[in-house]
Amino acid sequence: MSKKRTIGFVQHDDADDPRPEERDYLKEAIERIWSPEGETENMDFYSPIMIQEFIGEWASGTFRQINDTMTKMGFRSTTLDGFHCWIVYEKNKVPDEFGM
């Protein structure tokens, strides 16, 4: 007698899922650069479009995904000149040699 084989698509149980956990590249890119808390001198304001352009080499995301991720990570937002902006603190701020 021959062994029966399943042909076609088979739904796996969650425990048998052969895919590794998906990495959140958007969150990783944001964490690499900014923190939701920090020193006032490292504080800056970025709109979602600025964030999208800034992290474009590492990750991609829609404005909704960026806003959702920033909210989940604990970033605060404000409105400047009528534009929605996120308050971020740069993690690796390069010291300014000229005091500017």
N, C-alpha and C. Protein backbone atom coordinates (compact mmCIF):
# COMPACT_ATOMS: atom_id res chain seq x y z
N MET A 1 0.82 -1.17 0.00
CA MET A 1 0.00 0.00 0.00
C MET A 1 0.87 1.24 0.00
N SER A 2 0.48 2.26 -0.77
CA SER A 2 1.29 3.48 -0.82
C SER A 2 0.79 4.50 0.21
N LYS A 3 1.70 5.36 0.62
CA LYS A 3 1.39 6.38 1.61
C LYS A 3 0.63 7.52 0.93
N LYS A 4 -0.42 8.03 1.57
CA LYS A 4 -1.20 9.13 1.01
C LYS A 4 -0.44 10.44 1.21
N ARG A 5 -0.46 11.26 0.17
CA ARG A 5 0.17 12.57 0.25
C ARG A 5 -0.89 13.64 0.03
N THR A 6 -0.71 14.76 0.71
CA THR A 6 -1.61 15.88 0.52
C THR A 6 -1.09 16.71 -0.63
N ILE A 7 -1.95 16.98 -1.59
CA ILE A 7 -1.57 17.78 -2.74
C ILE A 7 -2.31 19.10 -2.66
N GLY A 8 -1.61 20.19 -2.90
CA GLY A 8 -2.24 21.51 -2.88
C GLY A 8 -1.91 22.25 -1.61
N PHE A 9 -2.77 23.18 -1.27
CA PHE A 9 -2.53 24.03 -0.11
C PHE A 9 -3.04 23.35 1.15
N VAL A 10 -2.24 23.44 2.19
CA VAL A 10 -2.59 22.84 3.47
C VAL A 10 -2.49 23.94 4.51
N GLN A 11 -3.49 24.08 5.35
CA GLN A 11 -3.45 25.06 6.41
C GLN A 11 -2.75 24.45 7.61
N HIS A 12 -1.70 25.13 8.07
CA HIS A 12 -0.93 24.66 9.21
C HIS A 12 -1.50 25.24 10.49
N ASP A 13 -1.28 24.51 11.58
CA ASP A 13 -1.59 25.07 12.89
C ASP A 13 -0.56 26.15 13.17
N ASP A 14 -0.89 27.09 14.07
CA ASP A 14 0.05 28.15 14.41
C ASP A 14 1.37 27.58 14.93
N ALA A 15 1.30 26.50 15.69
CA ALA A 15 2.50 25.91 16.25
C ALA A 15 3.37 25.28 15.17
N ASP A 16 2.76 24.85 14.06
CA ASP A 16 3.49 24.21 12.98
C ASP A 16 3.87 25.18 11.87
N ASP A 17 3.67 26.47 12.10
CA ASP A 17 3.92 27.47 11.07
C ASP A 17 5.41 27.49 10.72
N PRO A 18 5.76 27.17 9.48
CA PRO A 18 7.17 27.10 9.11
C PRO A 18 7.81 28.48 8.93
N ARG A 19 7.00 29.54 8.85
CA ARG A 19 7.55 30.88 8.66
C ARG A 19 8.11 31.42 9.97
N PRO A 20 9.27 32.04 9.92
CA PRO A 20 9.78 32.67 11.14
C PRO A 20 8.93 33.91 11.44
N GLU A 21 9.01 34.39 12.66
CA GLU A 21 8.25 35.58 13.02
C GLU A 21 8.68 36.74 12.13
N GLU A 22 7.70 37.49 11.67
CA GLU A 22 8.00 38.62 10.81
C GLU A 22 8.59 39.73 11.64
N ARG A 23 9.66 40.32 11.13
CA ARG A 23 10.31 41.42 11.82
C ARG A 23 9.58 42.71 11.47
N ASP A 24 9.52 43.61 12.43
CA ASP A 24 8.90 44.90 12.21
C ASP A 24 10.02 45.89 11.84
N TYR A 25 10.35 45.94 10.56
CA TYR A 25 11.45 46.77 10.09
C TYR A 25 11.17 48.25 10.32
N LEU A 26 9.91 48.65 10.23
CA LEU A 26 9.56 50.04 10.46
C LEU A 26 9.89 50.44 11.90
N LYS A 27 9.49 49.63 12.85
CA LYS A 27 9.79 49.90 14.26
C LYS A 27 11.29 49.89 14.51
N GLU A 28 11.99 48.94 13.93
CA GLU A 28 13.44 48.85 14.12
C GLU A 28 14.14 50.10 13.58
N ALA A 29 13.69 50.59 12.43
CA ALA A 29 14.31 51.79 11.83
C ALA A 29 14.08 53.01 12.72
N ILE A 30 12.88 53.14 13.24
CA ILE A 30 12.56 54.27 14.12
C ILE A 30 13.37 54.18 15.41
N GLU A 31 13.44 52.99 15.99
CA GLU A 31 14.21 52.80 17.23
C GLU A 31 15.69 53.08 17.04
N ARG A 32 16.20 52.82 15.85
CA ARG A 32 17.61 53.03 15.56
C ARG A 32 17.98 54.51 15.65
N ILE A 33 17.04 55.39 15.34
CA ILE A 33 17.35 56.80 15.22
C ILE A 33 16.80 57.64 16.37
N TRP A 34 15.55 57.37 16.78
CA TRP A 34 14.86 58.24 17.73
C TRP A 34 14.37 57.50 18.97
N SER A 35 14.14 58.29 19.99
CA SER A 35 13.55 57.80 21.23
C SER A 35 12.35 58.69 21.57
N PRO A 36 11.34 58.14 22.25
CA PRO A 36 10.21 58.99 22.64
C PRO A 36 10.52 59.91 23.82
N GLU A 37 11.67 59.71 24.45
CA GLU A 37 12.08 60.53 25.59
C GLU A 37 13.55 60.89 25.43
N GLY A 38 13.94 62.01 26.03
CA GLY A 38 15.34 62.38 25.97
C GLY A 38 15.57 63.79 26.46
N GLU A 39 16.75 64.27 26.19
CA GLU A 39 17.15 65.62 26.60
C GLU A 39 16.58 66.64 25.63
N THR A 40 16.25 67.82 26.15
CA THR A 40 15.65 68.87 25.35
C THR A 40 16.52 69.26 24.15
N GLU A 41 17.82 69.26 24.33
CA GLU A 41 18.71 69.65 23.23
C GLU A 41 18.70 68.65 22.07
N ASN A 42 18.21 67.43 22.32
CA ASN A 42 18.12 66.41 21.27
C ASN A 42 16.72 66.31 20.67
N MET A 43 15.82 67.19 21.12
CA MET A 43 14.43 67.14 20.67
C MET A 43 14.31 67.75 19.27
N ASP A 44 13.44 67.13 18.47
CA ASP A 44 13.17 67.64 17.14
C ASP A 44 11.73 67.28 16.77
N PHE A 45 11.25 67.83 15.68
CA PHE A 45 9.89 67.60 15.22
C PHE A 45 9.93 67.09 13.79
N TYR A 46 9.26 65.98 13.54
CA TYR A 46 9.23 65.38 12.20
C TYR A 46 7.78 65.07 11.82
N SER A 47 7.42 65.46 10.61
CA SER A 47 6.10 65.08 10.09
C SER A 47 6.20 63.64 9.59
N PRO A 48 5.07 62.97 9.41
CA PRO A 48 5.11 61.60 8.90
C PRO A 48 5.83 61.50 7.54
N ILE A 49 5.67 62.51 6.68
CA ILE A 49 6.35 62.45 5.38
C ILE A 49 7.86 62.57 5.56
N MET A 50 8.30 63.37 6.53
CA MET A 50 9.74 63.49 6.79
C MET A 50 10.29 62.18 7.33
N ILE A 51 9.53 61.53 8.21
CA ILE A 51 9.94 60.24 8.76
C ILE A 51 10.03 59.21 7.64
N GLN A 52 9.03 59.20 6.77
CA GLN A 52 9.00 58.26 5.66
C GLN A 52 10.23 58.45 4.76
N GLU A 53 10.59 59.67 4.48
CA GLU A 53 11.77 59.94 3.65
C GLU A 53 13.06 59.59 4.38
N PHE A 54 13.12 59.88 5.68
CA PHE A 54 14.34 59.67 6.46
C PHE A 54 14.69 58.20 6.60
N ILE A 55 13.68 57.35 6.84
CA ILE A 55 13.95 55.93 7.07
C ILE A 55 13.77 55.09 5.81
N GLY A 56 13.57 55.73 4.68
CA GLY A 56 13.29 55.03 3.43
C GLY A 56 14.33 54.00 3.01
N GLU A 57 15.57 54.17 3.43
CA GLU A 57 16.62 53.20 3.07
C GLU A 57 16.51 51.91 3.88
N TRP A 58 15.90 51.98 5.06
CA TRP A 58 15.82 50.81 5.94
C TRP A 58 14.47 50.12 5.91
N ALA A 59 13.42 50.92 5.80
CA ALA A 59 12.08 50.37 5.89
C ALA A 59 11.10 51.24 5.13
N SER A 60 9.98 50.66 4.79
CA SER A 60 8.94 51.45 4.13
C SER A 60 7.66 51.32 4.95
N GLY A 61 6.82 52.31 4.81
CA GLY A 61 5.55 52.29 5.52
C GLY A 61 4.67 53.42 5.05
N THR A 62 3.39 53.19 5.13
CA THR A 62 2.44 54.24 4.79
C THR A 62 2.39 55.23 5.94
N PHE A 63 1.75 56.36 5.71
CA PHE A 63 1.61 57.34 6.78
C PHE A 63 0.84 56.74 7.94
N ARG A 64 -0.18 55.96 7.65
CA ARG A 64 -0.96 55.31 8.71
C ARG A 64 -0.08 54.36 9.52
N GLN A 65 0.75 53.55 8.84
CA GLN A 65 1.63 52.62 9.54
C GLN A 65 2.65 53.38 10.39
N ILE A 66 3.18 54.46 9.85
CA ILE A 66 4.14 55.27 10.62
C ILE A 66 3.46 55.84 11.85
N ASN A 67 2.28 56.44 11.68
CA ASN A 67 1.57 57.03 12.81
C ASN A 67 1.20 55.99 13.85
N ASP A 68 0.73 54.82 13.41
CA ASP A 68 0.38 53.75 14.35
C ASP A 68 1.60 53.26 15.12
N THR A 69 2.71 53.09 14.41
CA THR A 69 3.95 52.62 15.04
C THR A 69 4.46 53.64 16.05
N MET A 70 4.45 54.92 15.67
CA MET A 70 4.92 55.97 16.57
C MET A 70 4.05 56.02 17.83
N THR A 71 2.75 55.87 17.67
CA THR A 71 1.84 55.88 18.82
C THR A 71 2.12 54.70 19.74
N LYS A 72 2.26 53.49 19.16
CA LYS A 72 2.53 52.29 19.96
C LYS A 72 3.85 52.39 20.70
N MET A 73 4.83 53.10 20.11
CA MET A 73 6.15 53.23 20.73
C MET A 73 6.19 54.31 21.80
N GLY A 74 5.10 55.07 21.94
CA GLY A 74 5.03 56.06 23.01
C GLY A 74 5.46 57.46 22.61
N PHE A 75 5.61 57.73 21.32
CA PHE A 75 5.97 59.07 20.88
C PHE A 75 4.75 59.99 21.02
N ARG A 76 5.01 61.25 21.34
CA ARG A 76 3.94 62.25 21.42
C ARG A 76 3.94 63.05 20.12
N SER A 77 2.81 63.67 19.84
CA SER A 77 2.72 64.49 18.63
C SER A 77 2.15 65.86 18.97
N THR A 78 2.33 66.77 18.04
CA THR A 78 1.84 68.13 18.19
C THR A 78 1.53 68.68 16.81
N THR A 79 0.99 69.87 16.77
CA THR A 79 0.73 70.53 15.50
C THR A 79 1.58 71.78 15.43
N LEU A 80 2.37 71.90 14.37
CA LEU A 80 3.21 73.07 14.14
C LEU A 80 2.83 73.67 12.79
N ASP A 81 2.46 74.94 12.80
CA ASP A 81 2.06 75.64 11.58
C ASP A 81 1.00 74.87 10.80
N GLY A 82 0.11 74.22 11.52
CA GLY A 82 -0.98 73.49 10.89
C GLY A 82 -0.63 72.09 10.41
N PHE A 83 0.60 71.62 10.68
CA PHE A 83 1.03 70.30 10.25
C PHE A 83 1.21 69.38 11.47
N HIS A 84 0.78 68.14 11.31
CA HIS A 84 0.95 67.12 12.36
C HIS A 84 2.42 66.73 12.40
N CYS A 85 3.02 66.82 13.58
CA CYS A 85 4.44 66.47 13.74
C CYS A 85 4.63 65.58 14.97
N TRP A 86 5.59 64.70 14.87
CA TRP A 86 5.96 63.84 15.98
C TRP A 86 7.13 64.47 16.72
N ILE A 87 7.10 64.40 18.05
CA ILE A 87 8.19 64.90 18.88
C ILE A 87 9.15 63.73 19.08
N VAL A 88 10.36 63.89 18.59
CA VAL A 88 11.36 62.82 18.67
C VAL A 88 12.61 63.35 19.35
N TYR A 89 13.36 62.44 19.92
CA TYR A 89 14.64 62.76 20.53
C TYR A 89 15.71 61.93 19.82
N GLU A 90 16.65 62.61 19.21
CA GLU A 90 17.70 61.91 18.46
C GLU A 90 18.59 61.14 19.43
N LYS A 91 18.84 59.89 19.11
CA LYS A 91 19.66 59.03 19.98
C LYS A 91 21.14 59.33 19.82
N ASN A 92 21.59 59.50 18.60
CA ASN A 92 23.02 59.66 18.34
C ASN A 92 23.31 61.03 17.76
N LYS A 93 22.95 62.05 18.51
CA LYS A 93 23.16 63.42 18.05
C LYS A 93 24.65 63.69 17.99
N VAL A 94 25.10 64.16 16.83
CA VAL A 94 26.50 64.48 16.64
C VAL A 94 26.77 65.85 17.27
N PRO A 95 27.77 65.96 18.14
CA PRO A 95 28.04 67.26 18.74
C PRO A 95 28.48 68.26 17.68
N ASP A 96 28.00 69.47 17.83
CA ASP A 96 28.31 70.52 16.88
C ASP A 96 29.63 71.19 17.29
N GLU A 97 30.62 71.11 16.44
CA GLU A 97 31.95 71.66 16.76
C GLU A 97 31.95 73.18 16.79
N PHE A 98 31.02 73.80 16.15
CA PHE A 98 31.02 75.24 16.01
C PHE A 98 30.04 75.92 16.96
N GLY A 99 29.38 75.15 17.79
CA GLY A 99 28.46 75.71 18.77
C GLY A 99 27.19 76.28 18.19
N MET A 100 26.82 75.82 17.02
CA MET A 100 25.60 76.33 16.37
C MET A 100 24.42 75.46 16.69
